[in-house]
């Protein structure tokens, strides 16, 4: 039945953001043609969160967070690569920062408090 997922990030600077995923985060990729890179991602999971009561269907979005075992080490490694991260903050589910992409978009990076490994 379902064998995977395809995540789409929209960007006003797709070439720069693709280079970031390839050169900074070191995600392997294939060229689907004309420089359109498709990246392999680490193991993933999906969760459904309740929406704020005031949000309409058109306002609902998806978020992308990468997980790591040691957030401080990951931030230090990104800093060596001249990557900006937002200040660290604590959530009930983990320690969180945001990685700033070349386009200015942000993706989350967090260290879970209680890692969950769902086996299919």
Protein backbone atom coordinates (compact mmCIF):
# COMPACT_ATOMS: atom_id res chain seq x y z
CA UNK A 1 0.00 0.00 0.00
CA UNK A 2 1.74 3.24 1.11
CA UNK A 3 5.52 2.93 0.88
CA UNK A 4 6.75 6.44 1.65
CA UNK A 5 6.03 10.14 1.83
CA UNK A 6 6.99 13.10 -0.32
CA UNK A 7 7.51 16.39 1.53
CA UNK A 8 7.26 19.63 -0.43
CA UNK A 9 8.81 22.89 0.72
CA UNK A 10 7.84 25.97 -1.27
CA UNK A 11 10.57 28.58 -1.76
CA UNK A 12 11.19 31.84 -3.59
CA UNK A 13 14.84 30.69 -3.86
CA UNK A 14 14.57 26.97 -4.67
CA UNK A 15 18.09 26.57 -6.07
CA UNK A 16 19.68 28.05 -2.95
CA UNK A 17 17.50 25.95 -0.62
CA UNK A 18 18.27 22.80 -2.64
CA UNK A 19 22.00 23.52 -2.32
CA UNK A 20 21.50 23.97 1.43
CA UNK A 21 19.87 20.53 1.76
CA UNK A 22 22.58 18.96 -0.41
CA UNK A 23 25.72 20.80 0.76
CA UNK A 24 24.97 21.79 4.36
CA UNK A 25 22.63 19.06 5.62
CA UNK A 26 24.30 16.47 3.33
CA UNK A 27 21.05 14.83 2.24
CA UNK A 28 21.63 12.50 -0.73
CA UNK A 29 19.66 13.41 -3.83
CA UNK A 30 18.86 12.46 -7.39
CA UNK A 31 18.38 14.93 -10.20
CA UNK A 32 14.88 14.53 -11.62
CA UNK A 33 15.94 16.73 -14.54
CA UNK A 34 17.08 20.32 -15.05
CA UNK A 35 18.60 20.53 -11.54
CA UNK A 36 15.35 19.56 -9.82
CA UNK A 37 16.80 17.64 -6.88
CA UNK A 38 14.77 15.09 -4.95
CA UNK A 39 16.27 14.35 -1.53
CA UNK A 40 16.31 11.23 0.57
CA UNK A 41 15.30 12.00 4.13
CA UNK A 42 16.13 10.31 7.39
CA UNK A 43 13.48 8.04 8.92
CA UNK A 44 10.31 10.03 9.51
CA UNK A 45 7.10 10.07 11.46
CA UNK A 46 3.86 12.02 11.18
CA UNK A 47 1.60 13.39 13.90
CA UNK A 48 -1.78 15.12 13.85
CA UNK A 49 -2.02 18.18 16.08
CA UNK A 50 -5.25 20.02 16.91
CA UNK A 51 -5.70 23.32 15.08
CA UNK A 52 -6.39 26.57 16.88
CA UNK A 53 -10.12 27.10 17.12
CA UNK A 54 -9.96 30.35 15.12
CA UNK A 55 -8.13 28.88 12.11
CA UNK A 56 -10.09 28.18 8.96
CA UNK A 57 -9.32 25.26 6.65
CA UNK A 58 -7.47 27.61 4.30
CA UNK A 59 -5.14 28.72 7.10
CA UNK A 60 -4.01 25.24 8.15
CA UNK A 61 -0.43 24.40 7.23
CA UNK A 62 2.12 21.65 7.68
CA UNK A 63 5.40 21.98 9.57
CA UNK A 64 8.69 20.20 9.08
CA UNK A 65 10.93 19.39 12.03
CA UNK A 66 14.14 17.40 11.85
CA UNK A 67 15.08 15.39 14.95
CA UNK A 68 18.51 14.91 16.51
CA UNK A 69 20.02 13.18 19.54
CA UNK A 70 22.11 16.18 20.68
CA UNK A 71 20.68 19.60 19.76
CA UNK A 72 23.67 21.58 21.04
CA UNK A 73 26.08 19.49 18.95
CA UNK A 74 23.86 19.84 15.88
CA UNK A 75 23.69 23.63 16.31
CA UNK A 76 27.48 23.80 16.77
CA UNK A 77 27.96 21.79 13.56
CA UNK A 78 25.55 24.06 11.66
CA UNK A 79 27.31 27.16 13.02
CA UNK A 80 30.62 25.86 11.58
CA UNK A 81 28.81 25.79 8.23
CA UNK A 82 27.62 29.41 8.70
CA UNK A 83 24.02 28.39 9.31
CA UNK A 84 21.87 30.55 11.59
CA UNK A 85 19.56 28.97 14.14
CA UNK A 86 16.95 30.66 16.29
CA UNK A 87 17.35 30.74 20.07
CA UNK A 88 16.73 27.38 21.75
CA UNK A 89 13.49 27.00 23.65
CA UNK A 90 11.87 24.22 25.62
CA UNK A 91 8.58 22.62 24.75
CA UNK A 92 6.90 19.85 26.73
CA UNK A 93 7.95 17.42 23.98
CA UNK A 94 11.56 18.55 23.43
CA UNK A 95 14.24 21.20 23.04
CA UNK A 96 13.75 23.21 19.85
CA UNK A 97 15.45 25.63 17.47
CA UNK A 98 14.73 26.71 13.89
CA UNK A 99 17.21 26.48 11.03
CA UNK A 100 17.09 29.46 8.68
CA UNK A 101 17.26 28.44 5.02
CA UNK A 102 18.90 30.69 2.39
CA UNK A 103 15.40 31.75 1.29
CA UNK A 104 14.62 32.94 4.82
CA UNK A 105 12.17 30.10 5.41
CA UNK A 106 12.66 28.12 8.58
CA UNK A 107 12.57 24.43 9.40
CA UNK A 108 12.49 23.08 12.92
CA UNK A 109 15.22 21.06 14.57
CA UNK A 110 14.64 19.41 17.91
CA UNK A 111 15.86 16.92 20.45
CA UNK A 112 12.87 14.93 21.71
CA UNK A 113 12.44 14.51 25.46
CA UNK A 114 11.11 11.01 24.93
CA UNK A 115 12.14 9.60 21.54
CA UNK A 116 9.36 7.67 19.86
CA UNK A 117 10.22 5.02 17.33
CA UNK A 118 7.19 3.75 15.48
CA UNK A 119 7.92 0.49 13.69
CA UNK A 120 5.78 -0.35 10.69
